[in-house]
Protein backbone atom coordinates (compact mmCIF):
# COMPACT_ATOMS: atom_id res chain seq x y z
CA MET A 1 0.00 0.00 0.00
CA THR A 2 2.93 2.32 0.54
CA THR A 3 3.92 2.12 -3.14
CA HIS A 4 0.30 1.95 -4.38
CA PRO A 5 -1.62 4.19 -1.95
CA HIS A 6 -4.74 4.41 -4.13
CA MET A 7 -5.16 0.66 -4.66
CA ASN A 8 -8.80 -0.41 -4.27
CA THR A 9 -10.22 -3.69 -3.00
CA TYR A 10 -10.45 -5.46 -6.36
CA GLU A 11 -6.95 -4.38 -7.37
CA ALA A 12 -5.69 -5.76 -4.05
CA ILE A 13 -7.51 -9.06 -4.71
CA ASP A 14 -5.84 -9.35 -8.13
CA PHE A 15 -2.44 -8.45 -6.64
CA LEU A 16 -2.69 -11.12 -3.93
CA LYS A 17 -3.74 -13.71 -6.50
CA GLU A 18 -0.94 -12.90 -8.95
CA GLU A 19 1.89 -12.43 -6.45
CA PHE A 20 1.05 -14.98 -3.76
CA ASP A 21 -1.61 -17.23 -5.33
CA LEU A 22 -3.77 -16.20 -2.38
CA VAL A 23 -7.57 -15.93 -2.64
CA LEU A 24 -9.43 -14.09 0.13
CA HIS A 25 -13.01 -12.98 0.59
CA PRO A 26 -13.56 -9.41 -0.68
CA LYS A 27 -14.78 -8.27 2.76
CA ILE A 28 -11.51 -9.39 4.37
CA VAL A 29 -9.47 -7.62 1.69
CA TYR A 30 -11.62 -4.48 1.99
CA ARG A 31 -11.02 -4.27 5.75
CA ALA A 32 -7.28 -4.92 5.31
CA VAL A 33 -6.96 -2.23 2.61
CA ARG A 34 -8.87 0.28 4.73
CA GLU A 35 -6.71 -0.43 7.79
CA ALA A 36 -3.50 -0.16 5.75
CA LYS A 37 -4.58 3.18 4.26
CA ASP A 38 -5.52 4.49 7.71
CA ARG A 39 -2.09 3.56 9.08
CA ILE A 40 -0.26 5.10 6.12
CA MET A 41 -2.29 8.30 6.35
CA ARG A 42 -1.68 8.62 10.10
CA ASN A 43 2.04 8.03 9.60
CA GLU A 44 2.31 10.62 6.81
CA VAL A 45 0.36 13.21 8.81
CA GLU A 46 2.75 12.65 11.72
CA GLN A 47 5.74 13.06 9.38
CA TYR A 48 4.42 16.40 8.11
CA GLY A 49 4.14 17.46 11.74
CA ASN A 50 7.86 16.77 12.19
CA LEU A 51 8.99 18.95 9.28
CA ARG A 52 9.91 21.96 11.42
CA ASP A 53 12.17 19.79 13.57
CA TYR A 54 13.75 18.27 10.46
CA LEU A 55 14.49 21.66 8.91
CA MET A 56 15.88 23.00 12.19
CA GLU A 57 18.21 20.00 12.30
CA ILE A 58 19.40 20.82 8.77
CA HIS A 59 20.27 24.35 9.89
CA LYS A 60 22.17 22.96 12.91
CA SER A 61 24.11 20.26 11.06
CA ASN A 62 24.52 22.08 7.71
CA PRO A 63 25.15 25.78 8.42
CA ARG A 64 24.43 28.21 5.57
CA SER A 65 22.02 25.74 3.97
CA SER A 66 18.56 26.90 2.93
CA ALA A 67 15.72 24.93 4.50
CA LEU A 68 12.39 26.74 4.43
CA LEU A 69 8.82 25.75 5.19
CA ASP A 70 5.73 27.64 4.01
CA VAL A 71 2.38 26.89 5.68
CA ILE A 72 -1.26 27.89 5.34
CA PRO A 73 -2.68 29.39 8.58
CA GLN A 74 -5.91 27.87 9.87
CA PRO A 75 -8.29 29.91 12.08
CA GLN A 76 -9.01 27.24 14.70
CA ALA A 77 -6.44 24.55 13.94
CA PRO A 78 -2.70 24.09 13.43
CA PRO A 79 -1.36 25.43 10.10
CA THR A 80 -1.27 23.04 7.16
CA PHE A 81 1.62 22.30 4.81
CA ASP A 82 1.99 24.37 1.64
CA LYS A 83 5.60 24.27 0.39
CA MET A 84 9.09 23.23 1.48
CA TYR A 85 12.45 24.20 -0.07
CA ILE A 86 15.88 22.70 0.61
CA CYS A 87 19.29 23.64 -0.80
CA PHE A 88 22.30 22.28 1.06
CA ASP A 89 25.28 24.61 1.37
CA ALA A 90 27.73 22.01 0.06
CA CYS A 91 25.55 21.46 -3.02
CA LYS A 92 25.33 25.11 -4.01
CA ARG A 93 29.04 25.73 -3.38
CA ARG A 94 30.06 22.68 -5.40
CA PHE A 95 27.69 23.68 -8.21
CA ARG A 96 29.21 27.15 -8.47
CA SER A 97 32.79 25.83 -8.45
CA GLY A 98 32.71 22.51 -10.29
CA CYS A 99 29.62 22.04 -12.47
CA ARG A 100 28.65 23.17 -15.92
CA PRO A 101 26.58 26.39 -16.03
CA LEU A 102 23.46 24.51 -17.14
CA ILE A 103 20.44 24.00 -14.87
CA HIS A 104 17.56 21.68 -15.69
CA LEU A 105 14.27 22.65 -14.04
CA ASP A 106 11.78 19.85 -13.59
CA GLY A 107 8.54 19.03 -11.82
CA ALA A 108 7.21 15.56 -11.02
CA PHE A 109 4.17 14.09 -9.30
CA LEU A 110 4.66 12.65 -5.83
CA LYS A 111 2.91 9.28 -5.75
CA THR A 112 2.13 9.36 -2.06
CA TYR A 113 -1.18 9.30 -0.23
CA HIS A 114 -1.32 13.11 -0.11
CA GLY A 115 0.22 13.70 -3.55
CA GLY A 116 1.91 17.00 -4.38
CA GLN A 117 4.72 18.04 -6.70
CA LEU A 118 8.49 17.72 -6.48
CA LEU A 119 10.24 20.74 -8.04
CA SER A 120 13.95 20.44 -8.68
CA ALA A 121 17.00 22.20 -10.10
CA VAL A 122 19.57 19.72 -11.41
CA ALA A 123 22.98 20.27 -13.02
CA GLN A 124 25.73 18.07 -14.49
CA ASP A 125 29.07 17.53 -12.83
CA ALA A 126 32.45 16.92 -14.48
CA ASN A 127 31.65 13.20 -14.82
CA ASN A 128 28.38 13.92 -16.65
CA GLN A 129 26.42 12.75 -13.61
CA PHE A 130 23.24 14.40 -12.37
CA TYR A 131 23.89 16.88 -9.57
CA VAL A 132 20.95 18.11 -7.49
CA ILE A 133 21.29 21.77 -6.56
CA ALA A 134 17.97 22.36 -4.81
CA PHE A 135 14.52 20.82 -4.53
CA ALA A 136 11.11 21.71 -3.18
CA VAL A 137 7.84 19.99 -2.37
CA ALA A 138 4.68 21.92 -3.21
CA ARG A 139 0.98 21.20 -3.12
CA SER A 140 0.76 21.78 -6.88
CA GLU A 141 2.86 22.75 -9.89
CA SER A 142 1.73 26.29 -10.60
CA LYS A 143 3.02 29.74 -11.46
CA GLU A 144 2.99 30.69 -7.79
CA SER A 145 4.97 27.62 -6.63
CA TRP A 146 7.55 27.98 -9.42
CA LYS A 147 7.96 31.70 -8.63
CA TRP A 148 8.60 30.84 -4.98
CA PHE A 149 11.11 28.14 -5.94
CA LEU A 150 12.99 30.28 -8.48
CA THR A 151 13.23 33.24 -6.11
CA LEU A 152 14.91 31.09 -3.47
CA LEU A 153 17.09 29.31 -6.04
CA GLN A 154 18.46 32.60 -7.37
CA GLU A 155 19.27 33.73 -3.82
CA ASP A 156 21.26 30.52 -3.35
CA ILE A 157 23.20 30.25 -6.61
CA GLY A 158 23.72 33.94 -7.36
CA ASP A 159 22.96 36.33 -10.17
CA VAL A 160 22.54 34.88 -13.66
CA GLN A 161 24.40 37.71 -15.42
CA GLN A 162 27.36 37.34 -13.09
CA HIS A 163 27.66 33.55 -13.38
CA GLY A 164 26.17 32.91 -16.83
CA TRP A 165 23.66 30.25 -15.81
CA ASN A 166 21.63 28.65 -18.62
CA PHE A 167 18.33 26.86 -18.07
CA MET A 168 16.64 23.88 -19.68
CA SER A 169 13.13 22.58 -19.05
CA ASP A 170 10.52 20.15 -20.32
CA MET A 171 8.04 23.02 -20.72
CA GLN A 172 6.81 22.52 -17.16
CA LYS A 173 3.37 23.79 -16.26
CA GLY A 174 3.46 27.37 -14.95
CA LEU A 175 7.25 27.70 -15.27
CA MET A 176 8.02 30.05 -18.16
CA LEU A 177 6.32 33.24 -16.93
CA PRO A 178 7.91 33.12 -13.43
CA LEU A 179 11.28 32.29 -14.99
CA LYS A 180 11.13 35.36 -17.23
CA GLU A 181 9.94 37.47 -14.29
CA ILE A 182 12.49 36.33 -11.69
CA ILE A 183 15.44 35.77 -14.04
CA PRO A 184 14.66 37.95 -17.09
CA ASN A 185 18.12 37.65 -18.67
CA ALA A 186 18.29 33.86 -18.46
CA HIS A 187 18.97 31.79 -21.57
CA VAL A 188 16.25 29.12 -21.68
CA ARG A 189 16.04 26.07 -23.96
CA ASN A 190 13.64 23.16 -24.22
CA SER A 191 14.83 19.59 -23.75
CA VAL A 192 15.29 17.76 -27.07
CA MET A 193 14.24 14.51 -25.40
CA HIS A 194 10.97 16.11 -24.30
CA MET A 195 10.35 17.40 -27.82
CA TRP A 196 11.17 13.97 -29.24
CA LYS A 197 8.65 12.29 -26.93
CA ASN A 198 6.02 14.79 -28.00
CA PHE A 199 6.72 13.92 -31.64
CA ILE A 200 6.37 10.22 -30.85
CA ASN A 201 3.11 10.71 -28.95
CA ARG A 202 1.49 13.00 -31.49
CA LEU A 203 2.91 11.64 -34.73
CA LYS A 204 3.39 7.95 -34.02
CA ASP A 205 3.33 6.88 -37.68
CA ILE A 206 5.93 9.39 -38.89
CA TYR A 207 9.65 8.86 -38.52
CA GLN A 208 11.07 11.92 -36.74
CA GLU A 209 14.79 11.34 -36.29
CA ASN A 210 15.64 14.03 -38.84
CA CYS A 211 13.55 16.51 -36.83
CA VAL A 212 15.63 15.83 -33.72
CA GLY A 213 18.83 16.38 -35.65
CA LEU A 214 17.42 19.61 -37.07
CA CYS A 215 16.53 20.83 -33.56
CA LYS A 216 20.08 20.20 -32.38
CA MET A 217 21.48 22.07 -35.37
CA HIS A 218 19.34 25.09 -34.52
CA ASN A 219 20.32 24.97 -30.82
CA CYS A 220 16.87 23.99 -29.51
CA GLY A 221 18.28 21.80 -26.75
């Protein structure tokens, strides 16, 4: 249930049959699924309640790191989670001194019980390996959440004109307007792989390799 938090009773029955050759009455499976979801939900709620302590520990053990939590005030209840941003000091220093000046901005769904979006800024190191600069968890991928993330990211990595950062994205939802607003002089390109996948999805019967080569020639990615 942890990896498939939205599994229903009949999906659980099929899973038990396929994986363990186990056949149980639907009522038994229904109660087990409900209990598992209740436990997972309680555990995740408790973990969200520990976020302040976790971020404080980051500040204690990793001085000069950025670890910020944004909440939504509630009139007669504790505040609820809205966004969280983390950029470790060692990561931003190493990025500035040893990585290529190219930053890939990405957003991905969190497949947990409560969902949300993972926003990230990733570079490449000297060994062509992915290098995470900063990441954030937000309730949704929107203009507002990207603006918040980019504002904090620029504070951590420094001015674009001074360092010559370049940005690449997969045309993430709500990203382009905040990027132009927060970092107006940034050079932004779209990922060729993302464009290639769009070609495949939309024009499945047409061979598109020449289009990818053409995009590279014209510096699209």
